[in-house]
C-alpha atoms as a PDB file:
ATOM      1  CA  MET A   1     -20.163  15.893   7.986  1.00  0.00           C
ATOM      2  CA  ARG A   2     -18.304  14.272   5.122  1.00  0.00           C
ATOM      3  CA  LEU A   3     -18.267  10.470   5.107  1.00  0.00           C
ATOM      4  CA  GLY A   4     -15.707   8.568   3.080  1.00  0.00           C
ATOM      5  CA  VAL A   5     -17.403   5.338   2.018  1.00  0.00           C
ATOM      6  CA  ILE A   6     -15.667   2.161   0.838  1.00  0.00           C
ATOM      7  CA  SER A   7     -16.951  -1.363   0.271  1.00  0.00           C
ATOM      8  CA  ASP A   8     -16.065  -4.764  -1.139  1.00  0.00           C
ATOM      9  CA  ILE A   9     -12.316  -4.448  -0.728  1.00  0.00           C
ATOM     10  CA  HIS A  10     -11.925  -8.190  -1.115  1.00  0.00           C
ATOM     11  CA  ALA A  11      -8.332  -8.418   0.098  1.00  0.00           C
ATOM     12  CA  ASN A  12      -7.017  -6.144  -2.666  1.00  0.00           C
ATOM     13  CA  LEU A  13      -4.435  -4.138  -0.757  1.00  0.00           C
ATOM     14  CA  VAL A  14      -3.080  -2.322  -3.806  1.00  0.00           C
ATOM     15  CA  ALA A  15      -6.528  -0.994  -4.701  1.00  0.00           C
ATOM     16  CA  LEU A  16      -7.297  -0.082  -1.078  1.00  0.00           C
ATOM     17  CA  GLU A  17      -4.094   1.916  -0.710  1.00  0.00           C
ATOM     18  CA  ALA A  18      -4.821   3.733  -3.977  1.00  0.00           C
ATOM     19  CA  VAL A  19      -8.311   4.653  -2.775  1.00  0.00           C
ATOM     20  CA  LEU A  20      -7.087   5.912   0.585  1.00  0.00           C
ATOM     21  CA  GLU A  21      -4.411   8.017  -1.106  1.00  0.00           C
ATOM     22  CA  ASP A  22      -6.891   9.472  -3.597  1.00  0.00           C
ATOM     23  CA  MET A  23      -9.710  10.215  -1.132  1.00  0.00           C
ATOM     24  CA  PRO A  24     -10.254  13.894  -0.280  1.00  0.00           C
ATOM     25  CA  PRO A  25     -10.415  14.967   3.371  1.00  0.00           C
ATOM     26  CA  VAL A  26     -13.364  13.392   5.225  1.00  0.00           C
ATOM     27  CA  ASP A  27     -14.594  13.470   8.808  1.00  0.00           C
ATOM     28  CA  ARG A  28     -15.146   9.719   9.037  1.00  0.00           C
ATOM     29  CA  LEU A  29     -14.220   6.714   6.919  1.00  0.00           C
ATOM     30  CA  VAL A  30     -16.688   3.809   6.900  1.00  0.00           C
ATOM     31  CA  CYS A  31     -16.781   0.403   5.208  1.00  0.00           C
ATOM     32  CA  ALA A  32     -19.872  -1.400   3.909  1.00  0.00           C
ATOM     33  CA  GLY A  33     -18.372  -4.869   4.240  1.00  0.00           C
ATOM     34  CA  ASP A  34     -16.474  -7.656   2.478  1.00  0.00           C
ATOM     35  CA  VAL A  35     -12.991  -6.733   3.607  1.00  0.00           C
ATOM     36  CA  ILE A  36     -11.718 -10.197   2.659  1.00  0.00           C
ATOM     37  CA  GLY A  37     -12.211 -12.730  -0.136  1.00  0.00           C
ATOM     38  CA  TYR A  38     -10.956 -13.344  -3.676  1.00  0.00           C
ATOM     39  CA  ASN A  39      -7.607 -11.496  -3.578  1.00  0.00           C
ATOM     40  CA  PRO A  40      -4.296 -12.268  -1.818  1.00  0.00           C
ATOM     41  CA  TRP A  41      -3.988  -9.787   1.083  1.00  0.00           C
ATOM     42  CA  PRO A  42      -6.744 -10.587   3.627  1.00  0.00           C
ATOM     43  CA  ALA A  43      -4.681  -9.919   6.746  1.00  0.00           C
ATOM     44  CA  GLU A  44      -3.234  -6.644   5.506  1.00  0.00           C
ATOM     45  CA  CYS A  45      -6.650  -5.359   4.466  1.00  0.00           C
ATOM     46  CA  VAL A  46      -8.250  -6.318   7.769  1.00  0.00           C
ATOM     47  CA  ASP A  47      -5.526  -4.466   9.655  1.00  0.00           C
ATOM     48  CA  LEU A  48      -5.794  -1.350   7.480  1.00  0.00           C
ATOM     49  CA  VAL A  49      -9.582  -1.203   7.693  1.00  0.00           C
ATOM     50  CA  ARG A  50      -9.480  -1.703  11.455  1.00  0.00           C
ATOM     51  CA  GLU A  51      -7.013   1.172  11.693  1.00  0.00           C
ATOM     52  CA  ARG A  52      -8.704   3.626   9.356  1.00  0.00           C
ATOM     53  CA  CYS A  53     -12.459   2.950   9.465  1.00  0.00           C
ATOM     54  CA  SER A  54     -14.588   4.131  12.364  1.00  0.00           C
ATOM     55  CA  ALA A  55     -17.436   1.779  11.384  1.00  0.00           C
ATOM     56  CA  THR A  56     -17.535  -1.443   9.355  1.00  0.00           C
ATOM     57  CA  VAL A  57     -20.434  -3.806   8.744  1.00  0.00           C
ATOM     58  CA  GLU A  58     -20.349  -7.527   8.042  1.00  0.00           C
ATOM     59  CA  GLY A  59     -20.172  -8.696   4.439  1.00  0.00           C
ATOM     60  CA  ASN A  60     -20.971 -12.228   3.317  1.00  0.00           C
ATOM     61  CA  HIS A  61     -17.280 -13.066   2.835  1.00  0.00           C
ATOM     62  CA  ASP A  62     -16.401 -11.618   6.233  1.00  0.00           C
ATOM     63  CA  ARG A  63     -19.114 -13.784   7.778  1.00  0.00           C
ATOM     64  CA  ASN A  64     -17.607 -16.923   6.221  1.00  0.00           C
ATOM     65  CA  ALA A  65     -13.952 -16.377   7.068  1.00  0.00           C
ATOM     66  CA  ASP A  66     -14.095 -19.508   9.252  1.00  0.00           C
ATOM     67  CA  THR A  67     -16.203 -21.545   6.833  1.00  0.00           C
ATOM     68  CA  PRO A  68     -14.819 -21.330   3.282  1.00  0.00           C
ATOM     69  CA  ASN A  69     -16.459 -24.631   2.333  1.00  0.00           C
ATOM     70  CA  ARG A  70     -19.827 -22.877   2.263  1.00  0.00           C
ATOM     71  CA  TYR A  71     -18.612 -21.469  -1.051  1.00  0.00           C
ATOM     72  CA  SER A  72     -17.346 -24.786  -2.426  1.00  0.00           C
ATOM     73  CA  MET A  73     -19.528 -24.385  -5.528  1.00  0.00           C
ATOM     74  CA  ASN A  74     -17.786 -21.101  -6.412  1.00  0.00           C
ATOM     75  CA  GLU A  75     -14.093 -21.726  -6.984  1.00  0.00           C
ATOM     76  CA  MET A  76     -13.018 -18.073  -6.887  1.00  0.00           C
ATOM     77  CA  ALA A  77     -14.890 -17.328  -3.674  1.00  0.00           C
ATOM     78  CA  HIS A  78     -13.879 -20.620  -2.065  1.00  0.00           C
ATOM     79  CA  GLU A  79     -10.178 -20.240  -2.757  1.00  0.00           C
ATOM     80  CA  GLY A  80     -10.119 -16.632  -1.574  1.00  0.00           C
ATOM     81  CA  LEU A  81     -11.848 -17.562   1.674  1.00  0.00           C
ATOM     82  CA  LYS A  82      -9.632 -20.603   2.119  1.00  0.00           C
ATOM     83  CA  LEU A  83      -6.567 -18.366   1.829  1.00  0.00           C
ATOM     84  CA  ALA A  84      -8.079 -15.954   4.356  1.00  0.00           C
ATOM     85  CA  SER A  85      -8.844 -18.738   6.829  1.00  0.00           C
ATOM     86  CA  GLU A  86      -5.202 -19.834   6.616  1.00  0.00           C
ATOM     87  CA  GLU A  87      -3.620 -16.383   6.869  1.00  0.00           C
ATOM     88  CA  LEU A  88      -5.781 -14.493   9.363  1.00  0.00           C
ATOM     89  CA  ASN A  89      -4.765 -14.711  12.996  1.00  0.00           C
ATOM     90  CA  GLU A  90      -7.258 -15.210  15.795  1.00  0.00           C
ATOM     91  CA  GLY A  91      -7.488 -11.529  16.564  1.00  0.00           C
ATOM     92  CA  GLN A  92      -8.303 -10.697  12.960  1.00  0.00           C
ATOM     93  CA  LEU A  93     -10.864 -13.498  12.757  1.00  0.00           C
ATOM     94  CA  GLU A  94     -12.483 -12.361  15.994  1.00  0.00           C
ATOM     95  CA  TRP A  95     -12.784  -8.830  14.623  1.00  0.00           C
ATOM     96  CA  LEU A  96     -14.563 -10.168  11.539  1.00  0.00           C
ATOM     97  CA  ARG A  97     -16.878 -12.246  13.729  1.00  0.00           C
ATOM     98  CA  SER A  98     -17.742  -9.157  15.780  1.00  0.00           C
ATOM     99  CA  LEU A  99     -18.850  -7.009  12.837  1.00  0.00           C
ATOM    100  CA  PRO A 100     -22.488  -5.879  13.061  1.00  0.00           C
ATOM    101  CA  ARG A 101     -24.952  -6.567  10.285  1.00  0.00           C
ATOM    102  CA  SER A 102     -25.864  -2.870  10.107  1.00  0.00           C
ATOM    103  CA  VAL A 103     -24.980   0.429  11.766  1.00  0.00           C
ATOM    104  CA  ASP A 104     -26.514   3.888  12.010  1.00  0.00           C
ATOM    105  CA  LEU A 105     -24.265   6.829  11.159  1.00  0.00           C
ATOM    106  CA  ALA A 106     -24.443  10.641  11.246  1.00  0.00           C
ATOM    107  CA  ASP A 107     -26.682  10.917  14.298  1.00  0.00           C
ATOM    108  CA  ASP A 108     -28.714   7.913  13.139  1.00  0.00           C
ATOM    109  CA  ARG A 109     -29.609   9.584   9.835  1.00  0.00           C
ATOM    110  CA  VAL A 110     -27.687   7.080   7.670  1.00  0.00           C
ATOM    111  CA  LEU A 111     -28.238   3.315   7.617  1.00  0.00           C
ATOM    112  CA  MET A 112     -25.277   1.226   6.427  1.00  0.00           C
ATOM    113  CA  VAL A 113     -25.701  -2.470   5.588  1.00  0.00           C
ATOM    114  CA  HIS A 114     -23.827  -4.732   3.196  1.00  0.00           C
ATOM    115  CA  ASP A 115     -26.772  -6.237   1.338  1.00  0.00           C
ATOM    116  CA  HIS A 116     -30.542  -5.824   1.725  1.00  0.00           C
ATOM    117  CA  PRO A 117     -31.684  -4.283   5.027  1.00  0.00           C
ATOM    118  CA  GLU A 118     -34.002  -7.219   5.755  1.00  0.00           C
ATOM    119  CA  HIS A 119     -32.925 -10.092   3.504  1.00  0.00           C
ATOM    120  CA  VAL A 120     -29.417 -11.384   4.139  1.00  0.00           C
ATOM    121  CA  ASP A 121     -27.257 -11.820   1.026  1.00  0.00           C
ATOM    122  CA  GLN A 122     -29.896 -10.363  -1.313  1.00  0.00           C
ATOM    123  CA  TYR A 123     -28.459  -8.093  -3.991  1.00  0.00           C
ATOM    124  CA  VAL A 124     -29.864  -4.583  -4.362  1.00  0.00           C
ATOM    125  CA  ARG A 125     -28.920  -3.616  -7.901  1.00  0.00           C
ATOM    126  CA  PRO A 126     -29.242  -0.063  -9.254  1.00  0.00           C
ATOM    127  CA  HIS A 127     -32.584  -0.750 -10.937  1.00  0.00           C
ATOM    128  CA  SER A 128     -33.975  -1.845  -7.564  1.00  0.00           C
ATOM    129  CA  PHE A 129     -33.010   1.322  -5.668  1.00  0.00           C
ATOM    130  CA  PRO A 130     -36.576   2.742  -5.842  1.00  0.00           C
ATOM    131  CA  LYS A 131     -37.795  -0.358  -3.998  1.00  0.00           C
ATOM    132  CA  MET A 132     -35.627   0.618  -1.036  1.00  0.00           C
ATOM    133  CA  ARG A 133     -37.776   3.643  -0.174  1.00  0.00           C
ATOM    134  CA  PRO A 134     -40.020   1.757   2.344  1.00  0.00           C
ATOM    135  CA  TYR A 135     -36.935   0.836   4.395  1.00  0.00           C
ATOM    136  CA  LEU A 136     -35.898   4.472   4.825  1.00  0.00           C
ATOM    137  CA  ASP A 137     -38.754   5.924   6.842  1.00  0.00           C
ATOM    138  CA  ASP A 138     -36.384   6.308   9.804  1.00  0.00           C
ATOM    139  CA  HIS A 139     -33.303   7.370   7.837  1.00  0.00           C
ATOM    140  CA  ASP A 140     -32.283  10.039   5.351  1.00  0.00           C
ATOM    141  CA  ALA A 141     -29.860   7.751   3.520  1.00  0.00           C
ATOM    142  CA  CYS A 142     -28.873   4.118   3.030  1.00  0.00           C
ATOM    143  CA  ILE A 143     -25.397   2.853   2.138  1.00  0.00           C
ATOM    144  CA  LEU A 144     -25.190  -0.591   0.526  1.00  0.00           C
ATOM    145  CA  GLY A 145     -22.491  -2.827  -0.946  1.00  0.00           C
ATOM    146  CA  HIS A 146     -22.482  -6.423  -2.212  1.00  0.00           C
ATOM    147  CA  THR A 147     -23.227  -5.882  -5.940  1.00  0.00           C
ATOM    148  CA  HIS A 148     -19.859  -4.231  -6.759  1.00  0.00           C
ATOM    149  CA  GLU A 149     -21.813  -1.767  -8.933  1.00  0.00           C
ATOM    150  CA  GLN A 150     -21.280   1.915  -8.202  1.00  0.00           C
ATOM    151  CA  HIS A 151     -24.512   3.885  -8.202  1.00  0.00           C
ATOM    152  CA  GLU A 152     -26.412   6.566  -6.296  1.00  0.00           C
ATOM    153  CA  ALA A 153     -29.956   7.855  -6.434  1.00  0.00           C
ATOM    154  CA  THR A 154     -32.166  10.226  -4.465  1.00  0.00           C
ATOM    155  CA  ILE A 155     -35.726   8.950  -4.048  1.00  0.00           C
ATOM    156  CA  ASP A 156     -38.321  11.031  -2.196  1.00  0.00           C
ATOM    157  CA  GLY A 157     -35.494  12.998  -0.621  1.00  0.00           C
ATOM    158  CA  ARG A 158     -33.650   9.884   0.574  1.00  0.00           C
ATOM    159  CA  LEU A 159     -30.153   9.083  -0.684  1.00  0.00           C
ATOM    160  CA  ILE A 160     -29.396   5.477  -1.649  1.00  0.00           C
ATOM    161  CA  LEU A 161     -25.750   4.739  -2.371  1.00  0.00           C
ATOM    162  CA  ASN A 162     -23.543   1.866  -3.414  1.00  0.00           C
ATOM    163  CA  PRO A 163     -19.970   3.230  -3.457  1.00  0.00           C
ATOM    164  CA  GLY A 164     -18.885   0.395  -5.740  1.00  0.00           C
ATOM    165  CA  SER A 165     -16.110  -2.065  -5.075  1.00  0.00           C
ATOM    166  CA  VAL A 166     -12.591  -1.121  -4.071  1.00  0.00           C
ATOM    167  CA  GLY A 167     -11.062  -4.467  -4.927  1.00  0.00           C
ATOM    168  CA  GLN A 168     -13.218  -6.163  -7.560  1.00  0.00           C
ATOM    169  CA  PRO A 169     -15.501  -3.813  -9.557  1.00  0.00           C
ATOM    170  CA  ARG A 170     -18.225  -5.482 -11.602  1.00  0.00           C
ATOM    171  CA  ASP A 171     -19.755  -2.528 -13.407  1.00  0.00           C
ATOM    172  CA  GLY A 172     -17.503  -2.566 -16.459  1.00  0.00           C
ATOM    173  CA  ASP A 173     -14.970  -0.095 -15.028  1.00  0.00           C
ATOM    174  CA  PRO A 174     -11.893  -1.818 -13.565  1.00  0.00           C
ATOM    175  CA  ARG A 175     -10.795   1.219 -11.562  1.00  0.00           C
ATOM    176  CA  ALA A 176     -11.208   1.062  -7.788  1.00  0.00           C
ATOM    177  CA  ALA A 177     -14.427   2.719  -6.608  1.00  0.00           C
ATOM    178  CA  TYR A 178     -15.428   4.729  -3.559  1.00  0.00           C
ATOM    179  CA  ALA A 179     -17.727   7.603  -2.616  1.00  0.00           C
ATOM    180  CA  VAL A 180     -17.917  10.645  -0.379  1.00  0.00           C
ATOM    181  CA  VAL A 181     -21.230  11.590   1.250  1.00  0.00           C
ATOM    182  CA  ASP A 182     -21.972  15.119   2.378  1.00  0.00           C
ATOM    183  CA  THR A 183     -24.594  14.838   5.115  1.00  0.00           C
ATOM    184  CA  ALA A 184     -25.180  18.594   5.473  1.00  0.00           C
ATOM    185  CA  PRO A 185     -27.447  19.287   2.473  1.00  0.00           C
ATOM    186  CA  ASP A 186     -31.074  18.240   2.476  1.00  0.00           C
ATOM    187  CA  PRO A 187     -31.245  15.857   0.742  1.00  0.00           C
ATOM    188  CA  MET A 188     -27.770  14.449   1.331  1.00  0.00           C
ATOM    189  CA  THR A 189     -25.429  14.271  -1.642  1.00  0.00           C
ATOM    190  CA  ALA A 190     -22.975  11.604  -2.794  1.00  0.00           C
ATOM    191  CA  HIS A 191     -19.897  12.115  -4.944  1.00  0.00           C
ATOM    192  CA  LEU A 192     -18.728   9.022  -6.825  1.00  0.00           C
ATOM    193  CA  HIS A 193     -15.018   8.482  -7.400  1.00  0.00           C
ATOM    194  CA  ARG A 194     -12.828   6.071  -9.389  1.00  0.00           C
ATOM    195  CA  VAL A 195      -9.066   5.675  -9.174  1.00  0.00           C
ATOM    196  CA  GLU A 196      -6.609   3.660 -11.237  1.00  0.00           C
ATOM    197  CA  TYR A 197      -4.287   1.217  -9.504  1.00  0.00           C
ATOM    198  CA  ASP A 198      -1.643  -1.329 -10.510  1.00  0.00           C
ATOM    199  CA  ILE A 199      -3.894  -4.176 -11.636  1.00  0.00           C
ATOM    200  CA  ALA A 200      -0.966  -6.092 -13.136  1.00  0.00           C
ATOM    201  CA  ALA A 201       0.744  -6.218  -9.730  1.00  0.00           C
ATOM    202  CA  VAL A 202      -2.396  -7.654  -8.146  1.00  0.00           C
ATOM    203  CA  GLN A 203      -2.764 -10.208 -10.926  1.00  0.00           C
ATOM    204  CA  ALA A 204       0.831 -11.343 -10.386  1.00  0.00           C
ATOM    205  CA  ALA A 205       0.233 -11.658  -6.641  1.00  0.00           C
ATOM    206  CA  CYS A 206      -2.931 -13.689  -7.276  1.00  0.00           C
ATOM    207  CA  ARG A 207      -0.988 -16.122  -9.442  1.00  0.00           C
ATOM    208  CA  GLU A 208       1.815 -16.355  -6.890  1.00  0.00           C
ATOM    209  CA  ALA A 209      -0.741 -17.153  -4.184  1.00  0.00           C
ATOM    210  CA  GLY A 210      -2.175 -19.968  -6.318  1.00  0.00           C
ATOM    211  CA  LEU A 211      -5.589 -18.333  -6.704  1.00  0.00           C
ATOM    212  CA  PRO A 212      -7.796 -19.279  -9.683  1.00  0.00           C
ATOM    213  CA  GLU A 213      -6.972 -17.675 -13.032  1.00  0.00           C
ATOM    214  CA  GLN A 214     -10.449 -16.154 -13.219  1.00  0.00           C
ATOM    215  CA  THR A 215      -9.735 -14.156 -10.071  1.00  0.00           C
ATOM    216  CA  ASP A 216      -7.006 -12.089 -11.660  1.00  0.00           C
ATOM    217  CA  GLU A 217      -8.529 -12.065 -15.157  1.00  0.00           C
ATOM    218  CA  ARG A 218     -11.728 -10.347 -14.054  1.00  0.00           C
ATOM    219  CA  LEU A 219      -9.838  -7.500 -12.384  1.00  0.00           C
ATOM    220  CA  ALA A 220      -8.785  -6.030 -15.727  1.00  0.00           C
ATOM    221  CA  GLN A 221     -12.294  -6.428 -17.118  1.00  0.00           C
ATOM    222  CA  GLY A 222     -14.225  -4.842 -14.276  1.00  0.00           C
ATOM    223  CA  ARG A 223     -16.698  -7.693 -14.138  1.00  0.00           C
END
């Protein structure tokens, strides 16, 4: 089985469409969370992910679609969530509320969770991937998001993957990120992909939506 893996779309429709157009044929498309937040197309991204992804887990922004004030100390996050709370209809909000914290994929061989498997909202950065091994006794692979840093590693025959961020990369490469996992080999293999998209168009839309300047500035910097 070939899994197309996306994460941290953050309401960036232009980047999401570029990723979906660039992605090679896969058997299933899955999303490791944070469909909304930061950028100006929350409703459109929710609808597209609902249509195209067979499994999606809850990201921290998805979980706070109804409660943007929880991010009042972070202007970029707060304003993106505030926009989402205003634009999403009840059906879209209910879908976000229904997202599971984690799911098992590929006959329960792959664990997908947005952040740390046990500690909600904890970042698992690339240097910490070896520490994930104890959580994989019952799985051959773990898919993570949250850090916006694309990385993969195989540790004791277990694949650990962060596909990177579709809509707001933070690893120094502004191109939209995604990955494809081939579950057939032992160990499983991941192929990391990047694709260019029209960042200037997204920046213009951010300004038109009244989002903070830092939101559109960071897109071109990949940070």
